[in-house]
């Protein structure tokens, strides 16, 4: 038997994490285009849900998304992490993906689980996807981590496309159509109409996503 409070707490935390891991289930669902999307559902005895959108060249198994979902289940949320098409275990050509295609992926995942109440979480480019999906979905709240939001952020992706040096991104590449589709997303329109709570996390020393852009987005 545990001898002190610390041991009791450690045992309880381990039990919670073991249960959440044991209750994780991988599923494959199909988009309207007939391509498979890989998702992992972390189950909790609750009607609250969290959907997790990863960054541009990341996937559901990187960036701490598994531990994020486990913490969510510990706090009473069913949590779903998934791979956008062209990433991880999902089908599709990464170079053909756009903001719109990623929104369609997110919609397909939410539709598959059909929750009544849910929150969207997005990291980096996943934050842009989640943000621009809220007028087509009906989340209760939005959580963004170092998000890519403003249209001017497309300049960085355009510059990278012109440099044509993809080693840093694991060989994944994008072209003019990706940048064009990026610029077509109107941040201001969504920002004006948003009527749900939004929580944003962004470190001021981020050397990839400009912290100043996030500050300007919040001001807008």
Protein backbone atom coordinates (compact mmCIF):
# COMPACT_ATOMS: atom_id res chain seq x y z
CA UNK A 1 0.00 0.00 0.00
CA UNK A 2 1.17 3.57 -0.62
CA UNK A 3 2.89 5.01 2.43
CA UNK A 4 2.33 8.73 1.88
CA UNK A 5 0.37 11.33 -0.06
CA UNK A 6 3.03 11.60 -2.79
CA UNK A 7 2.84 7.88 -3.50
CA UNK A 8 -0.95 8.03 -3.60
CA UNK A 9 -0.87 10.88 -6.12
CA UNK A 10 1.79 9.21 -8.26
CA UNK A 11 -0.20 5.99 -8.33
CA UNK A 12 -3.38 7.89 -9.26
CA UNK A 13 -1.67 9.80 -12.08
CA UNK A 14 -0.17 6.60 -13.46
CA UNK A 15 -3.56 4.91 -13.38
CA UNK A 16 -5.19 7.81 -15.21
CA UNK A 17 -2.50 7.84 -17.90
CA UNK A 18 -2.58 4.07 -18.31
CA UNK A 19 -6.35 4.15 -18.69
CA UNK A 20 -6.25 6.96 -21.24
CA UNK A 21 -3.58 5.12 -23.25
CA UNK A 22 -5.53 1.88 -23.12
CA UNK A 23 -8.65 3.69 -24.32
CA UNK A 24 -6.97 5.22 -27.38
CA UNK A 25 -8.31 3.81 -30.64
CA UNK A 26 -7.01 4.39 -34.16
CA UNK A 27 -9.54 4.77 -36.97
CA UNK A 28 -9.36 5.47 -40.70
CA UNK A 29 -12.07 7.62 -42.23
CA UNK A 30 -12.69 8.63 -45.83
CA UNK A 31 -12.84 12.16 -47.26
CA UNK A 32 -15.28 13.24 -49.96
CA UNK A 33 -12.45 12.71 -52.44
CA UNK A 34 -12.12 9.07 -51.35
CA UNK A 35 -8.77 9.43 -49.54
CA UNK A 36 -8.14 7.91 -46.12
CA UNK A 37 -7.41 9.99 -43.03
CA UNK A 38 -5.79 8.42 -39.98
CA UNK A 39 -7.09 9.52 -36.57
CA UNK A 40 -6.64 8.44 -32.97
CA UNK A 41 -9.47 8.84 -30.49
CA UNK A 42 -8.60 9.13 -26.81
CA UNK A 43 -11.78 8.21 -24.98
CA UNK A 44 -13.28 9.68 -21.83
CA UNK A 45 -16.66 9.14 -20.19
CA UNK A 46 -17.89 12.55 -21.22
CA UNK A 47 -19.80 14.41 -23.92
CA UNK A 48 -17.01 17.01 -24.22
CA UNK A 49 -14.56 16.75 -27.12
CA UNK A 50 -11.27 18.25 -28.29
CA UNK A 51 -10.02 18.03 -31.89
CA UNK A 52 -6.30 18.60 -32.41
CA UNK A 53 -4.86 20.03 -35.66
CA UNK A 54 -1.10 19.59 -36.17
CA UNK A 55 1.33 21.93 -37.96
CA UNK A 56 2.03 22.05 -41.68
CA UNK A 57 4.72 19.34 -42.03
CA UNK A 58 4.06 17.63 -38.71
CA UNK A 59 1.68 14.78 -37.91
CA UNK A 60 -0.51 13.52 -35.08
CA UNK A 61 2.36 11.54 -33.49
CA UNK A 62 4.81 14.44 -33.23
CA UNK A 63 4.90 17.70 -31.32
CA UNK A 64 3.46 16.37 -28.07
CA UNK A 65 -0.04 15.83 -29.47
CA UNK A 66 -0.38 12.41 -27.86
CA UNK A 67 0.44 13.74 -24.39
CA UNK A 68 -1.89 16.70 -25.02
CA UNK A 69 -4.74 14.31 -25.76
CA UNK A 70 -3.91 12.21 -22.70
CA UNK A 71 -4.05 15.31 -20.51
CA UNK A 72 -7.37 16.20 -22.11
CA UNK A 73 -8.86 12.81 -21.23
CA UNK A 74 -7.50 13.17 -17.70
CA UNK A 75 -9.63 16.32 -17.51
CA UNK A 76 -12.77 14.75 -18.91
CA UNK A 77 -12.45 15.42 -22.65
CA UNK A 78 -12.62 12.91 -25.47
CA UNK A 79 -9.67 13.96 -27.64
CA UNK A 80 -8.95 13.26 -31.30
CA UNK A 81 -5.63 13.82 -33.06
CA UNK A 82 -5.38 13.13 -36.78
CA UNK A 83 -3.11 13.43 -39.80
CA UNK A 84 -4.02 15.90 -42.51
CA UNK A 85 -3.79 14.39 -45.97
CA UNK A 86 -0.22 14.07 -47.18
CA UNK A 87 1.03 13.77 -43.59
CA UNK A 88 1.69 10.85 -41.28
CA UNK A 89 -0.48 7.82 -42.00
CA UNK A 90 -3.08 9.63 -44.08
CA UNK A 91 -3.30 9.28 -47.84
CA UNK A 92 -2.85 12.11 -50.31
CA UNK A 93 -0.13 14.18 -51.94
CA UNK A 94 1.25 16.79 -49.54
CA UNK A 95 2.19 19.14 -52.39
CA UNK A 96 -1.47 19.31 -53.44
CA UNK A 97 -2.82 20.36 -50.05
CA UNK A 98 -4.14 23.85 -49.31
CA UNK A 99 -5.85 25.61 -46.42
CA UNK A 100 -9.18 24.60 -47.97
CA UNK A 101 -8.24 20.94 -48.25
CA UNK A 102 -7.11 20.94 -44.63
CA UNK A 103 -10.40 22.50 -43.55
CA UNK A 104 -12.19 19.72 -45.44
CA UNK A 105 -10.07 17.15 -43.59
CA UNK A 106 -11.00 18.69 -40.25
CA UNK A 107 -14.68 18.77 -41.21
CA UNK A 108 -14.53 15.09 -42.17
CA UNK A 109 -12.99 14.17 -38.81
CA UNK A 110 -15.54 16.16 -36.80
CA UNK A 111 -18.38 14.68 -38.87
CA UNK A 112 -17.10 11.15 -38.28
CA UNK A 113 -17.32 11.50 -34.49
CA UNK A 114 -20.37 13.85 -34.58
CA UNK A 115 -20.01 15.40 -31.12
CA UNK A 116 -22.56 17.87 -29.84
CA UNK A 117 -20.02 19.97 -27.95
CA UNK A 118 -16.37 20.37 -28.89
CA UNK A 119 -13.31 22.60 -28.85
CA UNK A 120 -10.78 23.03 -31.68
CA UNK A 121 -7.05 23.14 -30.98
CA UNK A 122 -4.56 24.15 -33.66
CA UNK A 123 -0.78 24.50 -33.60
CA UNK A 124 1.14 26.62 -36.12
CA UNK A 125 -0.50 26.07 -39.53
CA UNK A 126 -3.04 23.85 -37.80
CA UNK A 127 -4.06 27.02 -35.97
CA UNK A 128 -4.83 28.71 -39.27
CA UNK A 129 -6.87 25.71 -40.35
CA UNK A 130 -8.87 25.64 -37.12
CA UNK A 131 -9.41 29.41 -37.21
CA UNK A 132 -10.74 29.46 -40.77
CA UNK A 133 -12.91 26.41 -40.13
CA UNK A 134 -15.01 27.97 -37.37
CA UNK A 135 -17.48 29.57 -39.79
CA UNK A 136 -18.14 26.12 -41.27
CA UNK A 137 -18.15 24.19 -38.01
CA UNK A 138 -19.68 25.03 -34.67
CA UNK A 139 -17.02 24.75 -31.93
CA UNK A 140 -17.61 26.03 -28.43
CA UNK A 141 -14.13 27.51 -28.21
CA UNK A 142 -10.82 27.78 -30.06
CA UNK A 143 -7.31 27.18 -28.67
CA UNK A 144 -4.34 28.29 -30.78
CA UNK A 145 -0.65 27.62 -30.20
CA UNK A 146 1.84 29.84 -32.09
CA UNK A 147 -0.71 30.16 -34.92
CA UNK A 148 -0.19 31.28 -38.50
CA UNK A 149 -3.02 33.77 -38.99
CA UNK A 150 -2.41 36.87 -41.13
CA UNK A 151 -2.37 36.88 -44.93
CA UNK A 152 1.07 38.50 -44.88
CA UNK A 153 2.45 35.29 -43.33
CA UNK A 154 2.10 33.82 -46.83
CA UNK A 155 5.24 35.75 -47.84
CA UNK A 156 7.35 33.34 -45.80
CA UNK A 157 5.88 30.32 -47.56
CA UNK A 158 6.29 32.00 -50.94
CA UNK A 159 9.96 32.72 -50.18
CA UNK A 160 10.54 29.10 -49.16
CA UNK A 161 8.92 27.89 -52.37
CA UNK A 162 11.23 30.12 -54.42
CA UNK A 163 14.31 28.89 -52.54
CA UNK A 164 13.32 25.30 -53.37
CA UNK A 165 15.31 23.91 -50.44
CA UNK A 166 13.11 21.40 -48.65
CA UNK A 167 15.61 19.50 -46.50
CA UNK A 168 14.42 21.25 -43.33
CA UNK A 169 10.87 20.09 -44.06
CA UNK A 170 11.62 16.44 -44.62
CA UNK A 171 11.34 16.75 -48.38
CA UNK A 172 7.78 18.09 -48.23
CA UNK A 173 7.20 20.97 -50.63
CA UNK A 174 4.56 23.40 -51.81
CA UNK A 175 4.17 25.76 -54.73
CA UNK A 176 2.32 28.82 -56.02
CA UNK A 177 -1.15 27.29 -55.66
CA UNK A 178 -0.58 26.74 -51.94
CA UNK A 179 0.50 30.37 -51.48
CA UNK A 180 -2.41 31.64 -53.60
CA UNK A 181 -4.91 29.64 -51.56
CA UNK A 182 -3.27 30.91 -48.36
CA UNK A 183 -3.78 34.53 -49.40
CA UNK A 184 -7.40 33.87 -50.31
CA UNK A 185 -8.24 33.23 -46.65
CA UNK A 186 -9.64 36.45 -45.16
CA UNK A 187 -8.50 36.69 -41.54
CA UNK A 188 -10.32 39.99 -40.95
CA UNK A 189 -13.70 38.62 -41.99
CA UNK A 190 -13.52 35.69 -39.58
CA UNK A 191 -12.13 37.90 -36.80
CA UNK A 192 -15.03 40.34 -37.13
CA UNK A 193 -17.66 37.62 -36.91
CA UNK A 194 -16.10 35.39 -34.25
CA UNK A 195 -18.35 34.96 -31.23
CA UNK A 196 -16.67 32.17 -29.26
CA UNK A 197 -13.86 32.24 -26.68
CA UNK A 198 -10.36 32.14 -28.21
CA UNK A 199 -7.21 31.31 -26.24
CA UNK A 200 -3.81 31.93 -27.86
CA UNK A 201 -0.40 30.72 -26.67
CA UNK A 202 2.73 32.08 -28.39
CA UNK A 203 6.26 32.51 -27.08
CA UNK A 204 7.89 35.86 -27.78
CA UNK A 205 11.19 34.19 -28.82
CA UNK A 206 9.65 31.96 -31.51
CA UNK A 207 12.06 32.01 -34.48
CA UNK A 208 9.66 30.34 -36.93
CA UNK A 209 6.25 31.95 -36.50
CA UNK A 210 6.62 35.69 -35.85
CA UNK A 211 5.29 36.57 -32.39
CA UNK A 212 4.66 40.13 -33.60
CA UNK A 213 2.24 38.87 -36.25
CA UNK A 214 0.19 37.14 -33.57
CA UNK A 215 0.16 40.35 -31.50
CA UNK A 216 -1.07 42.29 -34.56
CA UNK A 217 -3.73 39.67 -35.24
CA UNK A 218 -5.06 40.01 -31.70
CA UNK A 219 -5.11 43.80 -32.03
CA UNK A 220 -7.10 43.50 -35.25
